[in-house]
Amino acid sequence: LKKDNVLLLFNYYEFTGTKIYDYVALKRKILLCFDND
């Protein structure tokens, strides 16, 4: 994942999930999909 450029994340709404923590720590841009689709 550290070699990749952008990390995709689906919206979990009222709860957090787990993958966001590794995503944030890897310092790669996150795209949270979606807010109001």
PDB file of all heavy atoms in Angstrom:
ATOM      1  N   LEU A   1       0.823  -1.217   0.000  1.00  0.00           N
ATOM      2  CA  LEU A   1       0.000   0.000   0.000  1.00  0.00           C
ATOM      3  C   LEU A   1       0.854   1.263   0.000  1.00  0.00           C
ATOM      4  O   LEU A   1       0.474   2.277  -0.585  1.00  0.00           O
ATOM      5  CB  LEU A   1      -0.921   0.009   1.224  1.00  0.00           C
ATOM      6  CG  LEU A   1      -2.105  -0.952   1.198  1.00  0.00           C
ATOM      7  CD1 LEU A   1      -2.771  -0.991   2.566  1.00  0.00           C
ATOM      8  CD2 LEU A   1      -3.123  -0.536   0.138  1.00  0.00           C
ATOM      9  N   LYS A   2       2.004   1.193   0.651  1.00  0.00           N
ATOM     10  CA  LYS A   2       2.880   2.359   0.715  1.00  0.00           C
ATOM     11  C   LYS A   2       3.387   2.752  -0.673  1.00  0.00           C
ATOM     12  O   LYS A   2       3.713   3.913  -0.920  1.00  0.00           O
ATOM     13  CB  LYS A   2       4.062   2.053   1.648  1.00  0.00           C
ATOM     14  CG  LYS A   2       4.938   3.242   1.990  1.00  0.00           C
ATOM     15  CD  LYS A   2       4.231   4.253   2.879  1.00  0.00           C
ATOM     16  CE  LYS A   2       5.205   5.324   3.354  1.00  0.00           C
ATOM     17  NZ  LYS A   2       4.540   6.379   4.154  1.00  0.00           N
ATOM     18  N   LYS A   3       3.418   1.785  -1.596  1.00  0.00           N
ATOM     19  CA  LYS A   3       3.856   2.072  -2.958  1.00  0.00           C
ATOM     20  C   LYS A   3       2.757   2.734  -3.792  1.00  0.00           C
ATOM     21  O   LYS A   3       3.033   3.290  -4.851  1.00  0.00           O
ATOM     22  CB  LYS A   3       4.295   0.783  -3.654  1.00  0.00           C
ATOM     23  CG  LYS A   3       5.446   0.055  -2.968  1.00  0.00           C
ATOM     24  CD  LYS A   3       5.689  -1.297  -3.634  1.00  0.00           C
ATOM     25  CE  LYS A   3       6.731  -2.105  -2.883  1.00  0.00           C
ATOM     26  NZ  LYS A   3       6.890  -3.467  -3.472  1.00  0.00           N
ATOM     27  N   ASP A   4       1.512   2.634  -3.326  1.00  0.00           N
ATOM     28  CA  ASP A   4       0.384   3.157  -4.091  1.00  0.00           C
ATOM     29  C   ASP A   4       0.216   4.652  -3.850  1.00  0.00           C
ATOM     30  O   ASP A   4       0.747   5.204  -2.889  1.00  0.00           O
ATOM     31  CB  ASP A   4      -0.885   2.386  -3.741  1.00  0.00           C
ATOM     32  CG  ASP A   4      -0.763   0.896  -4.059  1.00  0.00           C
ATOM     33  OD1 ASP A   4       0.011   0.563  -4.970  1.00  0.00           O
ATOM     34  OD2 ASP A   4      -1.425   0.079  -3.399  1.00  0.00           O
ATOM     35  N   ASN A   5      -0.540   5.302  -4.724  1.00  0.00           N
ATOM     36  CA  ASN A   5      -0.661   6.765  -4.681  1.00  0.00           C
ATOM     37  C   ASN A   5      -1.895   7.267  -3.951  1.00  0.00           C
ATOM     38  O   ASN A   5      -1.837   8.275  -3.242  1.00  0.00           O
ATOM     39  CB  ASN A   5      -0.686   7.334  -6.108  1.00  0.00           C
ATOM     40  CG  ASN A   5       0.468   6.860  -6.958  1.00  0.00           C
ATOM     41  OD1 ASN A   5       0.292   6.048  -7.854  1.00  0.00           O
ATOM     42  ND2 ASN A   5       1.672   7.349  -6.679  1.00  0.00           N
ATOM     43  N   VAL A   6      -3.020   6.566  -4.139  1.00  0.00           N
ATOM     44  CA  VAL A   6      -4.297   7.027  -3.589  1.00  0.00           C
ATOM     45  C   VAL A   6      -5.020   5.832  -2.970  1.00  0.00           C
ATOM     46  O   VAL A   6      -5.021   4.734  -3.538  1.00  0.00           O
ATOM     47  CB  VAL A   6      -5.189   7.649  -4.688  1.00  0.00           C
ATOM     48  CG1 VAL A   6      -6.495   8.177  -4.093  1.00  0.00           C
ATOM     49  CG2 VAL A   6      -4.442   8.758  -5.418  1.00  0.00           C
ATOM     50  N   LEU A   7      -5.640   6.047  -1.805  1.00  0.00           N
ATOM     51  CA  LEU A   7      -6.335   4.990  -1.094  1.00  0.00           C
ATOM     52  C   LEU A   7      -7.838   5.250  -1.095  1.00  0.00           C
ATOM     53  O   LEU A   7      -8.279   6.334  -0.720  1.00  0.00           O
ATOM     54  CB  LEU A   7      -5.810   4.880   0.339  1.00  0.00           C
ATOM     55  CG  LEU A   7      -4.289   4.660   0.453  1.00  0.00           C
ATOM     56  CD1 LEU A   7      -3.852   4.665   1.904  1.00  0.00           C
ATOM     57  CD2 LEU A   7      -3.873   3.357  -0.221  1.00  0.00           C
ATOM     58  N   LEU A   8      -8.601   4.256  -1.529  1.00  0.00           N
ATOM     59  CA  LEU A   8     -10.061   4.384  -1.625  1.00  0.00           C
ATOM     60  C   LEU A   8     -10.722   3.858  -0.362  1.00  0.00           C
ATOM     61  O   LEU A   8     -10.368   2.794   0.144  1.00  0.00           O
ATOM     62  CB  LEU A   8     -10.580   3.603  -2.833  1.00  0.00           C
ATOM     63  CG  LEU A   8     -10.017   4.027  -4.193  1.00  0.00           C
ATOM     64  CD1 LEU A   8     -10.407   3.023  -5.271  1.00  0.00           C
ATOM     65  CD2 LEU A   8     -10.510   5.417  -4.570  1.00  0.00           C
ATOM     66  N   LEU A   9     -11.700   4.608   0.129  1.00  0.00           N
ATOM     67  CA  LEU A   9     -12.387   4.251   1.370  1.00  0.00           C
ATOM     68  C   LEU A   9     -13.878   4.474   1.187  1.00  0.00           C
ATOM     69  O   LEU A   9     -14.302   5.563   0.786  1.00  0.00           O
ATOM     70  CB  LEU A   9     -11.863   5.133   2.512  1.00  0.00           C
ATOM     71  CG  LEU A   9     -12.430   4.892   3.901  1.00  0.00           C
ATOM     72  CD1 LEU A   9     -11.992   3.541   4.441  1.00  0.00           C
ATOM     73  CD2 LEU A   9     -11.958   6.001   4.858  1.00  0.00           C
ATOM     74  N   PHE A  10     -14.683   3.458   1.494  1.00  0.00           N
ATOM     75  CA  PHE A  10     -16.129   3.635   1.448  1.00  0.00           C
ATOM     76  C   PHE A  10     -16.621   4.245   2.750  1.00  0.00           C
ATOM     77  O   PHE A  10     -16.044   4.012   3.818  1.00  0.00           O
ATOM     78  CB  PHE A  10     -16.833   2.303   1.195  1.00  0.00           C
ATOM     79  CG  PHE A  10     -16.713   1.802  -0.211  1.00  0.00           C
ATOM     80  CD1 PHE A  10     -16.259   0.518  -0.472  1.00  0.00           C
ATOM     81  CD2 PHE A  10     -17.047   2.618  -1.282  1.00  0.00           C
ATOM     82  CE1 PHE A  10     -16.144   0.046  -1.767  1.00  0.00           C
ATOM     83  CE2 PHE A  10     -16.933   2.161  -2.593  1.00  0.00           C
ATOM     84  CZ  PHE A  10     -16.479   0.869  -2.835  1.00  0.00           C
ATOM     85  N   ASN A  11     -17.708   4.996   2.656  1.00  0.00           N
ATOM     86  CA  ASN A  11     -18.281   5.678   3.806  1.00  0.00           C
ATOM     87  C   ASN A  11     -18.945   4.676   4.751  1.00  0.00           C
ATOM     88  O   ASN A  11     -19.814   3.920   4.362  1.00  0.00           O
ATOM     89  CB  ASN A  11     -19.313   6.700   3.316  1.00  0.00           C
ATOM     90  CG  ASN A  11     -19.665   7.719   4.375  1.00  0.00           C
ATOM     91  OD1 ASN A  11     -19.481   7.486   5.558  1.00  0.00           O
ATOM     92  ND2 ASN A  11     -20.183   8.856   3.939  1.00  0.00           N
ATOM     93  N   TYR A  12     -18.514   4.688   6.004  1.00  0.00           N
ATOM     94  CA  TYR A  12     -19.123   3.841   7.034  1.00  0.00           C
ATOM     95  C   TYR A  12     -20.143   4.617   7.869  1.00  0.00           C
ATOM     96  O   TYR A  12     -20.653   4.097   8.863  1.00  0.00           O
ATOM     97  CB  TYR A  12     -18.039   3.277   7.955  1.00  0.00           C
ATOM     98  CG  TYR A  12     -17.326   2.059   7.422  1.00  0.00           C
ATOM     99  CD1 TYR A  12     -16.816   2.029   6.133  1.00  0.00           C
ATOM    100  CD2 TYR A  12     -17.140   0.931   8.208  1.00  0.00           C
ATOM    101  CE1 TYR A  12     -16.147   0.915   5.641  1.00  0.00           C
ATOM    102  CE2 TYR A  12     -16.477  -0.185   7.735  1.00  0.00           C
ATOM    103  CZ  TYR A  12     -15.986  -0.190   6.451  1.00  0.00           C
ATOM    104  OH  TYR A  12     -15.321  -1.295   5.966  1.00  0.00           O
ATOM    105  N   TYR A  13     -20.368   5.882   7.519  1.00  0.00           N
ATOM    106  CA  TYR A  13     -21.374   6.723   8.162  1.00  0.00           C
ATOM    107  C   TYR A  13     -21.101   6.871   9.665  1.00  0.00           C
ATOM    108  O   TYR A  13     -20.111   7.459  10.032  1.00  0.00           O
ATOM    109  CB  TYR A  13     -22.784   6.210   7.856  1.00  0.00           C
ATOM    110  CG  TYR A  13     -23.025   6.077   6.367  1.00  0.00           C
ATOM    111  CD1 TYR A  13     -23.061   4.825   5.750  1.00  0.00           C
ATOM    112  CD2 TYR A  13     -23.138   7.206   5.560  1.00  0.00           C
ATOM    113  CE1 TYR A  13     -23.240   4.695   4.378  1.00  0.00           C
ATOM    114  CE2 TYR A  13     -23.309   7.091   4.175  1.00  0.00           C
ATOM    115  CZ  TYR A  13     -23.362   5.843   3.592  1.00  0.00           C
ATOM    116  OH  TYR A  13     -23.509   5.720   2.239  1.00  0.00           O
ATOM    117  N   GLU A  14     -21.966   6.306  10.518  1.00  0.00           N
ATOM    118  CA  GLU A  14     -21.844   6.575  11.956  1.00  0.00           C
ATOM    119  C   GLU A  14     -20.760   5.766  12.670  1.00  0.00           C
ATOM    120  O   GLU A  14     -20.526   5.983  13.854  1.00  0.00           O
ATOM    121  CB  GLU A  14     -23.187   6.331  12.665  1.00  0.00           C
ATOM    122  CG  GLU A  14     -24.251   7.350  12.377  1.00  0.00           C
ATOM    123  CD  GLU A  14     -25.073   7.020  11.135  1.00  0.00           C
ATOM    124  OE1 GLU A  14     -24.785   5.984  10.484  1.00  0.00           O
ATOM    125  OE2 GLU A  14     -25.983   7.788  10.815  1.00  0.00           O
ATOM    126  N   PHE A  15     -20.113   4.820  12.008  1.00  0.00           N
ATOM    127  CA  PHE A  15     -19.020   4.133  12.694  1.00  0.00           C
ATOM    128  C   PHE A  15     -17.740   4.209  11.865  1.00  0.00           C
ATOM    129  O   PHE A  15     -17.742   4.688  10.733  1.00  0.00           O
ATOM    130  CB  PHE A  15     -19.405   2.709  13.090  1.00  0.00           C
ATOM    131  CG  PHE A  15     -19.501   1.691  11.993  1.00  0.00           C
ATOM    132  CD1 PHE A  15     -18.512   0.755  11.816  1.00  0.00           C
ATOM    133  CD2 PHE A  15     -20.632   1.637  11.176  1.00  0.00           C
ATOM    134  CE1 PHE A  15     -18.621  -0.219  10.828  1.00  0.00           C
ATOM    135  CE2 PHE A  15     -20.759   0.659  10.197  1.00  0.00           C
ATOM    136  CZ  PHE A  15     -19.742  -0.265  10.009  1.00  0.00           C
ATOM    137  N   THR A  16     -16.651   3.754  12.449  1.00  0.00           N
ATOM    138  CA  THR A  16     -15.330   4.092  11.931  1.00  0.00           C
ATOM    139  C   THR A  16     -14.728   3.033  11.029  1.00  0.00           C
ATOM    140  O   THR A  16     -14.044   3.357  10.065  1.00  0.00           O
ATOM    141  CB  THR A  16     -14.361   4.348  13.113  1.00  0.00           C
ATOM    142  OG1 THR A  16     -15.008   5.162  14.084  1.00  0.00           O
ATOM    143  CG2 THR A  16     -13.098   5.047  12.634  1.00  0.00           C
ATOM    144  N   GLY A  17     -14.951   1.752  11.342  1.00  0.00           N
ATOM    145  CA  GLY A  17     -14.216   0.723  10.632  1.00  0.00           C
ATOM    146  C   GLY A  17     -12.774   0.678  11.121  1.00  0.00           C
ATOM    147  O   GLY A  17     -12.389   1.375  12.061  1.00  0.00           O
ATOM    148  N   THR A  18     -11.958  -0.123  10.460  1.00  0.00           N
ATOM    149  CA  THR A  18     -10.569  -0.281  10.899  1.00  0.00           C
ATOM    150  C   THR A  18      -9.541   0.219   9.897  1.00  0.00           C
ATOM    151  O   THR A  18      -8.482   0.709  10.282  1.00  0.00           O
ATOM    152  CB  THR A  18     -10.274  -1.757  11.204  1.00  0.00           C
ATOM    153  OG1 THR A  18     -10.575  -2.541  10.036  1.00  0.00           O
ATOM    154  CG2 THR A  18     -11.113  -2.263  12.369  1.00  0.00           C
ATOM    155  N   LYS A  19      -9.849   0.102   8.604  1.00  0.00           N
ATOM    156  CA  LYS A  19      -8.803   0.370   7.619  1.00  0.00           C
ATOM    157  C   LYS A  19      -8.371   1.831   7.589  1.00  0.00           C
ATOM    158  O   LYS A  19      -7.251   2.144   7.191  1.00  0.00           O
ATOM    159  CB  LYS A  19      -9.249  -0.081   6.230  1.00  0.00           C
ATOM    160  CG  LYS A  19     -10.434   0.666   5.633  1.00  0.00           C
ATOM    161  CD  LYS A  19     -10.683   0.228   4.192  1.00  0.00           C
ATOM    162  CE  LYS A  19     -11.131  -1.199   4.070  1.00  0.00           C
ATOM    163  NZ  LYS A  19     -12.509  -1.433   4.490  1.00  0.00           N
ATOM    164  N   ILE A  20      -9.241   2.750   8.041  1.00  0.00           N
ATOM    165  CA  ILE A  20      -8.886   4.165   7.972  1.00  0.00           C
ATOM    166  C   ILE A  20      -7.637   4.471   8.789  1.00  0.00           C
ATOM    167  O   ILE A  20      -6.862   5.366   8.441  1.00  0.00           O
ATOM    168  CB  ILE A  20     -10.057   5.062   8.420  1.00  0.00           C
ATOM    169  CG1 ILE A  20      -9.737   6.533   8.126  1.00  0.00           C
ATOM    170  CG2 ILE A  20     -10.404   4.836   9.886  1.00  0.00           C
ATOM    171  CD1 ILE A  20     -10.883   7.481   8.347  1.00  0.00           C
ATOM    172  N   TYR A  21      -7.392   3.714   9.856  1.00  0.00           N
ATOM    173  CA  TYR A  21      -6.225   3.994  10.702  1.00  0.00           C
ATOM    174  C   TYR A  21      -4.925   3.711   9.949  1.00  0.00           C
ATOM    175  O   TYR A  21      -3.984   4.516   9.993  1.00  0.00           O
ATOM    176  CB  TYR A  21      -6.302   3.170  11.987  1.00  0.00           C
ATOM    177  CG  TYR A  21      -7.498   3.517  12.837  1.00  0.00           C
ATOM    178  CD1 TYR A  21      -8.580   2.648  12.956  1.00  0.00           C
ATOM    179  CD2 TYR A  21      -7.552   4.723  13.525  1.00  0.00           C
ATOM    180  CE1 TYR A  21      -9.680   2.962  13.740  1.00  0.00           C
ATOM    181  CE2 TYR A  21      -8.656   5.052  14.308  1.00  0.00           C
ATOM    182  CZ  TYR A  21      -9.707   4.162  14.408  1.00  0.00           C
ATOM    183  OH  TYR A  21     -10.809   4.488  15.179  1.00  0.00           O
ATOM    184  N   ASP A  22      -4.860   2.567   9.264  1.00  0.00           N
ATOM    185  CA  ASP A  22      -3.675   2.284   8.450  1.00  0.00           C
ATOM    186  C   ASP A  22      -3.563   3.273   7.295  1.00  0.00           C
ATOM    187  O   ASP A  22      -2.464   3.709   6.944  1.00  0.00           O
ATOM    188  CB  ASP A  22      -3.731   0.860   7.900  1.00  0.00           C
ATOM    189  CG  ASP A  22      -3.378  -0.184   8.943  1.00  0.00           C
ATOM    190  OD1 ASP A  22      -2.704   0.170   9.926  1.00  0.00           O
ATOM    191  OD2 ASP A  22      -3.779  -1.352   8.784  1.00  0.00           O
ATOM    192  N   TYR A  23      -4.687   3.619   6.691  1.00  0.00           N
ATOM    193  CA  TYR A  23      -4.684   4.590   5.593  1.00  0.00           C
ATOM    194  C   TYR A  23      -4.043   5.905   6.038  1.00  0.00           C
ATOM    195  O   TYR A  23      -3.162   6.456   5.361  1.00  0.00           O
ATOM    196  CB  TYR A  23      -6.117   4.861   5.135  1.00  0.00           C
ATOM    197  CG  TYR A  23      -6.696   3.884   4.137  1.00  0.00           C
ATOM    198  CD1 TYR A  23      -6.159   2.611   3.949  1.00  0.00           C
ATOM    199  CD2 TYR A  23      -7.800   4.231   3.368  1.00  0.00           C
ATOM    200  CE1 TYR A  23      -6.702   1.731   3.031  1.00  0.00           C
ATOM    201  CE2 TYR A  23      -8.354   3.353   2.436  1.00  0.00           C
ATOM    202  CZ  TYR A  23      -7.803   2.109   2.277  1.00  0.00           C
ATOM    203  OH  TYR A  23      -8.345   1.244   1.359  1.00  0.00           O
ATOM    204  N   VAL A  24      -4.506   6.410   7.164  1.00  0.00           N
ATOM    205  CA  VAL A  24      -3.989   7.690   7.667  1.00  0.00           C
ATOM    206  C   VAL A  24      -2.500   7.580   7.975  1.00  0.00           C
ATOM    207  O   VAL A  24      -1.706   8.460   7.635  1.00  0.00           O
ATOM    208  CB  VAL A  24      -4.773   8.129   8.919  1.00  0.00           C
ATOM    209  CG1 VAL A  24      -4.069   9.274   9.632  1.00  0.00           C
ATOM    210  CG2 VAL A  24      -6.190   8.553   8.535  1.00  0.00           C
ATOM    211  N   ALA A  25      -2.106   6.469   8.614  1.00  0.00           N
ATOM    212  CA  ALA A  25      -0.706   6.303   9.012  1.00  0.00           C
ATOM    213  C   ALA A  25       0.223   6.173   7.815  1.00  0.00           C
ATOM    214  O   ALA A  25       1.397   6.545   7.891  1.00  0.00           O
ATOM    215  CB  ALA A  25      -0.572   5.076   9.914  1.00  0.00           C
ATOM    216  N   LEU A  26      -0.272   5.659   6.692  1.00  0.00           N
ATOM    217  CA  LEU A  26       0.558   5.484   5.498  1.00  0.00           C
ATOM    218  C   LEU A  26       0.856   6.796   4.778  1.00  0.00           C
ATOM    219  O   LEU A  26       1.717   6.849   3.899  1.00  0.00           O
ATOM    220  CB  LEU A  26      -0.139   4.523   4.532  1.00  0.00           C
ATOM    221  CG  LEU A  26      -0.120   3.050   4.940  1.00  0.00           C
ATOM    222  CD1 LEU A  26      -1.115   2.245   4.116  1.00  0.00           C
ATOM    223  CD2 LEU A  26       1.281   2.462   4.799  1.00  0.00           C
ATOM    224  N   LYS A  27       0.132   7.843   5.124  1.00  0.00           N
ATOM    225  CA  LYS A  27       0.343   9.172   4.530  1.00  0.00           C
ATOM    226  C   LYS A  27       0.186   9.140   3.006  1.00  0.00           C
ATOM    227  O   LYS A  27       1.014   9.659   2.258  1.00  0.00           O
ATOM    228  CB  LYS A  27       1.716   9.733   4.916  1.00  0.00           C
ATOM    229  CG  LYS A  27       1.877   9.964   6.417  1.00  0.00           C
ATOM    230  CD  LYS A  27       3.228  10.590   6.753  1.00  0.00           C
ATOM    231  CE  LYS A  27       3.355  10.836   8.237  1.00  0.00           C
ATOM    232  NZ  LYS A  27       4.670  11.426   8.601  1.00  0.00           N
ATOM    233  N   ARG A  28      -0.886   8.511   2.580  1.00  0.00           N
ATOM    234  CA  ARG A  28      -1.298   8.540   1.181  1.00  0.00           C
ATOM    235  C   ARG A  28      -2.691   9.153   1.113  1.00  0.00           C
ATOM    236  O   ARG A  28      -3.524   8.918   1.997  1.00  0.00           O
ATOM    237  CB  ARG A  28      -1.319   7.125   0.588  1.00  0.00           C
ATOM    238  CG  ARG A  28       0.062   6.467   0.526  1.00  0.00           C
ATOM    239  CD  ARG A  28       0.958   7.145  -0.501  1.00  0.00           C
ATOM    240  NE  ARG A  28       2.280   6.547  -0.573  1.00  0.00           N
ATOM    241  CZ  ARG A  28       3.368   7.051   0.021  1.00  0.00           C
ATOM    242  NH1 ARG A  28       3.260   8.166   0.731  1.00  0.00           N
ATOM    243  NH2 ARG A  28       4.537   6.456  -0.104  1.00  0.00           N
ATOM    244  N   LYS A  29      -2.947   9.921   0.082  1.00  0.00           N
ATOM    245  CA  LYS A  29      -4.214  10.646  -0.003  1.00  0.00           C
ATOM    246  C   LYS A  29      -5.395   9.676  -0.016  1.00  0.00           C
ATOM    247  O   LYS A  29      -5.413   8.695  -0.751  1.00  0.00           O
ATOM    248  CB  LYS A  29      -4.258  11.533  -1.248  1.00  0.00           C
ATOM    249  CG  LYS A  29      -5.507  12.438  -1.298  1.00  0.00           C
ATOM    250  CD  LYS A  29      -5.470  13.364  -2.490  1.00  0.00           C
ATOM    251  CE  LYS A  29      -4.462  14.486  -2.306  1.00  0.00           C
ATOM    252  NZ  LYS A  29      -4.850  15.438  -1.245  1.00  0.00           N
ATOM    253  N   ILE A  30      -6.400   9.969   0.813  1.00  0.00           N
ATOM    254  CA  ILE A  30      -7.597   9.140   0.958  1.00  0.00           C
ATOM    255  C   ILE A  30      -8.752   9.800   0.216  1.00  0.00           C
ATOM    256  O   ILE A  30      -8.968  11.003   0.327  1.00  0.00           O
ATOM    257  CB  ILE A  30      -7.968   8.975   2.445  1.00  0.00           C
ATOM    258  CG1 ILE A  30      -6.823   8.325   3.221  1.00  0.00           C
ATOM    259  CG2 ILE A  30      -9.258   8.163   2.588  1.00  0.00           C
ATOM    260  CD1 ILE A  30      -7.004   8.385   4.731  1.00  0.00           C
ATOM    261  N   LEU A  31      -9.509   8.993  -0.526  1.00  0.00           N
ATOM    262  CA  LEU A  31     -10.761   9.446  -1.120  1.00  0.00           C
ATOM    263  C   LEU A  31     -11.902   8.704  -0.429  1.00  0.00           C
ATOM    264  O   LEU A  31     -12.045   7.483  -0.574  1.00  0.00           O
ATOM    265  CB  LEU A  31     -10.796   9.159  -2.624  1.00  0.00           C
ATOM    266  CG  LEU A  31      -9.707   9.795  -3.491  1.00  0.00           C
ATOM    267  CD1 LEU A  31      -9.973   9.514  -4.960  1.00  0.00           C
ATOM    268  CD2 LEU A  31      -9.618  11.308  -3.253  1.00  0.00           C
ATOM    269  N   LEU A  32     -12.717   9.423   0.352  1.00  0.00           N
ATOM    270  CA  LEU A  32     -13.859   8.841   1.053  1.00  0.00           C
ATOM    271  C   LEU A  32     -15.088   8.914   0.153  1.00  0.00           C
ATOM    272  O   LEU A  32     -15.577   9.992  -0.170  1.00  0.00           O
ATOM    273  CB  LEU A  32     -14.131   9.592   2.359  1.00  0.00           C
ATOM    274  CG  LEU A  32     -15.335   9.119   3.178  1.00  0.00           C
ATOM    275  CD1 LEU A  32     -15.125   7.703   3.672  1.00  0.00           C
ATOM    276  CD2 LEU A  32     -15.599  10.053   4.347  1.00  0.00           C
ATOM    277  N   CYS A  33     -15.612   7.749  -0.245  1.00  0.00           N
ATOM    278  CA  CYS A  33     -16.711   7.669  -1.217  1.00  0.00           C
ATOM    279  C   CYS A  33     -17.961   7.046  -0.569  1.00  0.00           C
ATOM    280  O   CYS A  33     -17.901   5.905  -0.147  1.00  0.00           O
ATOM    281  CB  CYS A  33     -16.305   6.809  -2.404  1.00  0.00           C
ATOM    282  SG  CYS A  33     -14.795   7.348  -3.252  1.00  0.00           S
ATOM    283  N   PHE A  34     -19.086   7.714  -0.491  1.00  0.00           N
ATOM    284  CA  PHE A  34     -19.386   9.065  -0.950  1.00  0.00           C
ATOM    285  C   PHE A  34     -20.093   9.793   0.179  1.00  0.00           C
ATOM    286  O   PHE A  34     -20.630   9.148   1.090  1.00  0.00           O
ATOM    287  CB  PHE A  34     -20.312   9.032  -2.182  1.00  0.00           C
ATOM    288  CG  PHE A  34     -19.703   8.402  -3.405  1.00  0.00           C
ATOM    289  CD1 PHE A  34     -20.059   7.135  -3.812  1.00  0.00           C
ATOM    290  CD2 PHE A  34     -18.745   9.091  -4.138  1.00  0.00           C
ATOM    291  CE1 PHE A  34     -19.507   6.561  -4.931  1.00  0.00           C
ATOM    292  CE2 PHE A  34     -18.193   8.521  -5.276  1.00  0.00           C
ATOM    293  CZ  PHE A  34     -18.559   7.256  -5.667  1.00  0.00           C
ATOM    294  N   ASP A  35     -20.194  11.101   0.063  1.00  0.00           N
ATOM    295  CA  ASP A  35     -20.880  11.888   1.085  1.00  0.00           C
ATOM    296  C   ASP A  35     -22.373  12.005   0.807  1.00  0.00           C
ATOM    297  O   ASP A  35     -23.199  11.933   1.713  1.00  0.00           O
ATOM    298  CB  ASP A  35     -20.252  13.284   1.167  1.00  0.00           C
ATOM    299  CG  ASP A  35     -20.848  14.110   2.294  1.00  0.00           C
ATOM    300  OD1 ASP A  35     -20.902  13.601   3.425  1.00  0.00           O
ATOM    301  OD2 ASP A  35     -21.267  15.257   2.045  1.00  0.00           O
ATOM    302  N   ASN A  36     -22.739  12.171  -0.468  1.00  0.00           N
ATOM    303  CA  ASN A  36     -24.157  12.357  -0.795  1.00  0.00           C
ATOM    304  C   ASN A  36     -24.425  11.953  -2.239  1.00  0.00           C
ATOM    305  O   ASN A  36     -24.841  12.755  -3.065  1.00  0.00           O
ATOM    306  CB  ASN A  36     -24.582  13.810  -0.550  1.00  0.00           C
ATOM    307  CG  ASN A  36     -26.083  14.007  -0.635  1.00  0.00           C
ATOM    308  OD1 ASN A  36     -26.845  13.062  -0.459  1.00  0.00           O
ATOM    309  ND2 ASN A  36     -26.510  15.229  -0.915  1.00  0.00           N
ATOM    310  N   ASP A  37     -24.194  10.671  -2.529  1.00  0.00           N
ATOM    311  CA  ASP A  37     -24.415  10.132  -3.862  1.00  0.00           C
ATOM    312  C   ASP A  37     -25.772   9.427  -3.903  1.00  0.00           C
ATOM    313  O   ASP A  37     -26.146   8.722  -2.952  1.00  0.00           O
ATOM    314  CB  ASP A  37     -23.300   9.133  -4.199  1.00  0.00           C
ATOM    315  CG  ASP A  37     -23.456   8.518  -5.572  1.00  0.00           C
ATOM    316  OD1 ASP A  37     -23.028   9.153  -6.551  1.00  0.00           O
ATOM    317  OD2 ASP A  37     -24.015   7.398  -5.645  1.00  0.00           O
TER     318      ASP A  37
END
